[in-house]
Protein backbone atom coordinates (compact mmCIF):
# COMPACT_ATOMS: atom_id res chain seq x y z
CA MET A 1 202.94 147.57 -74.07
CA VAL A 2 201.92 149.55 -71.01
CA SER A 3 200.13 148.13 -67.97
CA ARG A 4 198.07 150.30 -65.67
CA ARG A 5 195.83 149.74 -62.67
CA ILE A 6 192.90 152.19 -62.66
CA LYS A 7 192.39 153.95 -59.35
CA PRO A 8 188.97 153.26 -57.76
CA GLY A 9 186.36 155.78 -58.85
CA HIS A 10 188.40 156.99 -61.86
CA GLU A 11 187.18 154.50 -64.48
CA ASN A 12 185.33 157.13 -66.55
CA GLU A 13 188.23 159.59 -66.45
CA TYR A 14 190.62 156.83 -67.52
CA SER A 15 188.35 155.80 -70.41
CA ASP A 16 188.11 159.41 -71.59
CA TRP A 17 191.88 159.83 -71.23
CA LEU A 18 192.54 156.67 -73.25
CA ARG A 19 190.16 157.76 -76.02
CA ARG A 20 191.93 161.14 -76.29
CA ALA A 21 195.38 159.53 -76.15
CA ILE A 22 194.47 157.16 -79.00
CA GLU A 23 193.08 160.04 -81.11
CA SER A 24 196.29 161.98 -80.52
CA THR A 25 198.55 159.03 -81.33
CA ASN A 26 196.61 158.37 -84.52
CA ARG A 27 198.14 161.57 -85.96
CA PHE A 28 201.74 160.32 -85.52
CA PRO A 29 203.64 158.93 -88.51
CA GLY A 30 203.80 155.15 -88.58
CA TYR A 31 200.96 154.59 -86.10
CA ARG A 32 199.35 151.22 -86.85
CA GLY A 33 196.81 150.86 -84.05
CA VAL A 34 196.28 150.04 -80.42
CA THR A 35 194.92 147.04 -78.55
CA THR A 36 193.48 147.33 -75.06
CA ILE A 37 193.16 144.22 -72.92
CA SER A 38 191.25 143.82 -69.65
CA PRO A 39 192.62 140.49 -68.39
CA GLN A 40 189.72 139.69 -66.05
CA GLY A 41 186.93 141.28 -68.05
CA TYR A 42 185.61 144.79 -68.40
CA ASP A 43 185.16 145.21 -64.63
CA SER A 44 188.87 144.60 -64.06
CA ASP A 45 190.89 147.56 -62.84
CA VAL A 46 193.90 146.45 -64.89
CA ARG A 47 194.45 147.51 -68.50
CA TYR A 48 197.16 146.45 -70.90
CA VAL A 49 197.56 148.87 -73.78
CA ILE A 50 199.61 147.68 -76.74
CA TRP A 51 200.68 150.50 -79.07
CA ARG A 52 201.76 149.45 -82.57
CA PHE A 53 204.01 151.40 -84.95
CA ASP A 54 205.52 150.45 -88.28
CA SER A 55 209.11 151.02 -87.14
CA GLN A 56 211.23 151.45 -84.05
CA ARG A 57 212.08 154.97 -85.16
CA ASN A 58 208.44 156.06 -85.38
CA LEU A 59 207.70 154.44 -82.02
CA GLU A 60 210.61 156.32 -80.43
CA ASN A 61 209.46 159.62 -81.99
CA TRP A 62 206.04 159.12 -80.39
CA GLU A 63 207.51 158.01 -77.05
CA LYS A 64 209.75 161.10 -76.90
CA SER A 65 207.05 163.54 -77.98
CA GLY A 66 205.81 166.32 -75.74
CA GLU A 67 202.24 165.33 -76.56
CA ARG A 68 202.75 161.82 -75.16
CA ALA A 69 204.56 163.20 -72.11
CA THR A 70 201.52 165.37 -71.35
CA PHE A 71 199.21 162.34 -71.59
CA VAL A 72 201.50 160.23 -69.39
CA GLU A 73 201.56 162.95 -66.76
CA GLU A 74 197.78 163.36 -66.86
CA VAL A 75 197.00 159.63 -66.47
CA LYS A 76 198.83 159.53 -63.14
CA ALA A 77 195.70 161.06 -61.60
CA TYR A 78 193.58 158.14 -62.84
CA ALA A 79 195.83 155.08 -62.90
CA GLU A 80 199.14 153.71 -61.72
CA GLN A 81 201.55 152.23 -64.21
CA PHE A 82 203.03 148.95 -63.08
CA TYR A 83 205.75 146.73 -64.36
CA GLU A 84 205.98 142.98 -64.47
CA GLU A 85 209.38 141.59 -65.34
CA THR A 86 209.63 138.03 -66.58
CA SER A 87 212.33 135.91 -68.12
CA GLY A 88 209.84 134.17 -70.40
CA MET A 89 210.20 130.62 -69.05
CA GLU A 90 207.56 131.14 -66.38
CA THR A 91 204.94 131.25 -69.10
CA TRP A 92 205.48 127.49 -69.35
CA PHE A 93 204.31 127.30 -65.75
CA LYS A 94 201.03 129.18 -66.19
CA LEU A 95 198.09 127.11 -65.06
CA PRO A 96 194.44 127.59 -66.03
CA ASP A 97 192.09 129.36 -63.60
CA MET A 98 194.92 130.96 -61.65
CA HIS A 99 194.90 134.76 -61.63
CA ARG A 100 197.82 136.92 -60.59
CA VAL A 101 200.09 133.95 -60.09
CA VAL A 102 203.55 134.65 -58.83
CA ALA A 103 206.07 132.72 -60.88
CA PRO A 104 207.78 129.85 -59.08
CA PRO A 105 211.34 130.45 -57.88
CA LYS A 106 213.87 130.08 -60.65
CA TRP A 107 215.46 127.03 -58.99
CA LYS A 108 212.10 125.23 -59.14
CA MET A 109 211.61 126.20 -62.80
CA ALA A 110 215.15 125.01 -63.57
CA SER A 111 214.56 121.71 -61.72
CA VAL A 112 211.34 120.95 -63.60
CA THR A 113 212.90 121.98 -66.91
CA LEU A 114 215.96 119.77 -66.26
CA LEU A 115 213.71 116.82 -65.41
CA ALA A 116 211.81 117.28 -68.67
CA VAL A 117 214.95 117.84 -70.77
CA LEU A 118 216.62 114.72 -69.38
CA ALA A 119 213.59 112.54 -70.07
CA ILE A 120 212.98 113.88 -73.58
CA SER A 121 216.67 113.80 -74.56
CA TYR A 122 217.12 110.28 -73.27
CA LEU A 123 214.05 108.93 -75.09
CA ALA A 124 214.80 110.80 -78.32
CA HIS A 125 218.39 109.57 -78.42
CA LEU A 126 217.39 106.03 -77.46
CA LEU A 127 214.79 105.83 -80.23
CA LEU A 128 216.46 107.85 -83.00
CA ASN A 129 220.22 107.41 -82.57
CA PRO A 130 220.37 104.19 -84.61
CA PHE A 131 218.86 106.06 -87.56
CA VAL A 132 220.49 109.49 -87.31
CA SER A 133 223.98 108.71 -85.95
CA PRO A 134 225.51 108.84 -89.45
CA TRP A 135 223.99 112.29 -90.07
CA PRO A 136 226.22 115.39 -89.97
CA LEU A 137 226.47 116.95 -86.50
CA ALA A 138 224.53 120.09 -87.55
CA ALA A 139 221.57 118.07 -88.89
CA ASN A 140 221.62 115.77 -85.85
CA THR A 141 221.69 118.75 -83.48
CA LEU A 142 218.86 120.49 -85.36
CA LEU A 143 216.66 117.39 -85.18
CA PHE A 144 217.18 116.80 -81.46
CA SER A 145 216.85 120.50 -80.62
CA THR A 146 213.57 120.70 -82.55
CA ILE A 147 212.21 117.61 -80.80
CA LEU A 148 213.27 119.03 -77.44
CA VAL A 149 211.75 122.50 -77.92
CA VAL A 150 208.48 121.29 -79.41
CA THR A 151 208.00 118.56 -76.81
CA LEU A 152 208.87 120.89 -73.93
CA THR A 153 206.56 123.65 -75.13
CA TYR A 154 203.51 121.65 -76.13
CA PHE A 155 203.61 118.62 -73.87
CA ALA A 156 206.19 118.28 -71.11
CA MET A 157 206.08 121.68 -69.41
CA PRO A 158 202.27 122.08 -69.40
CA GLN A 159 201.85 118.52 -68.09
CA LEU A 160 204.61 118.82 -65.47
CA SER A 161 203.29 122.19 -64.29
CA ARG A 162 199.89 120.57 -63.67
CA LEU A 163 201.40 117.47 -62.07
CA LEU A 164 203.73 119.48 -59.80
CA ARG A 165 201.26 122.33 -59.20
CA LYS A 166 201.29 122.11 -55.39
CA TRP A 167 205.08 122.12 -55.27
CA LEU A 168 205.47 124.94 -57.81
CA TYR A 169 202.67 127.07 -56.37
CA PRO A 170 202.31 126.20 -52.67
CA LEU A 171 200.53 129.49 -51.81
CA ASN A 172 198.06 129.55 -54.72
CA PRO A 173 194.76 127.66 -54.86
């Protein structure tokens, strides 16, 4: 996946460049398609382009090709490539209607996650231990880990991120 911000006034050039780049890539072995995303609608200056190949080897052949290098060099006149590095956990803290949100500091994410883990673990053990204590350790661990992950992902973290929104995101609306 590649992220680019189109330079003002270069939208048409970028669109033409992308069309030509896709046509070129279509001729490479293992090419399976491309998806282009404009996160805030068509008028957004940001584009995410997701290139798909059938294998890592074919992807690497395309990435190392002279043809791709020429396209990458050309697009610098129309757009800037940018990188966003995430650990993955901050996606639990994404709130609706908030664009370009900076992830909370890791200590805040860890604190909220610990709060949720403690509550879920305590309740799960309190309710289920009488029934599952004779189970083998591996089965017991699998059950509690599954409960923890599912509950964190689908309930606890989304709810806590809304509840603690002002603390997690003090500078965002």
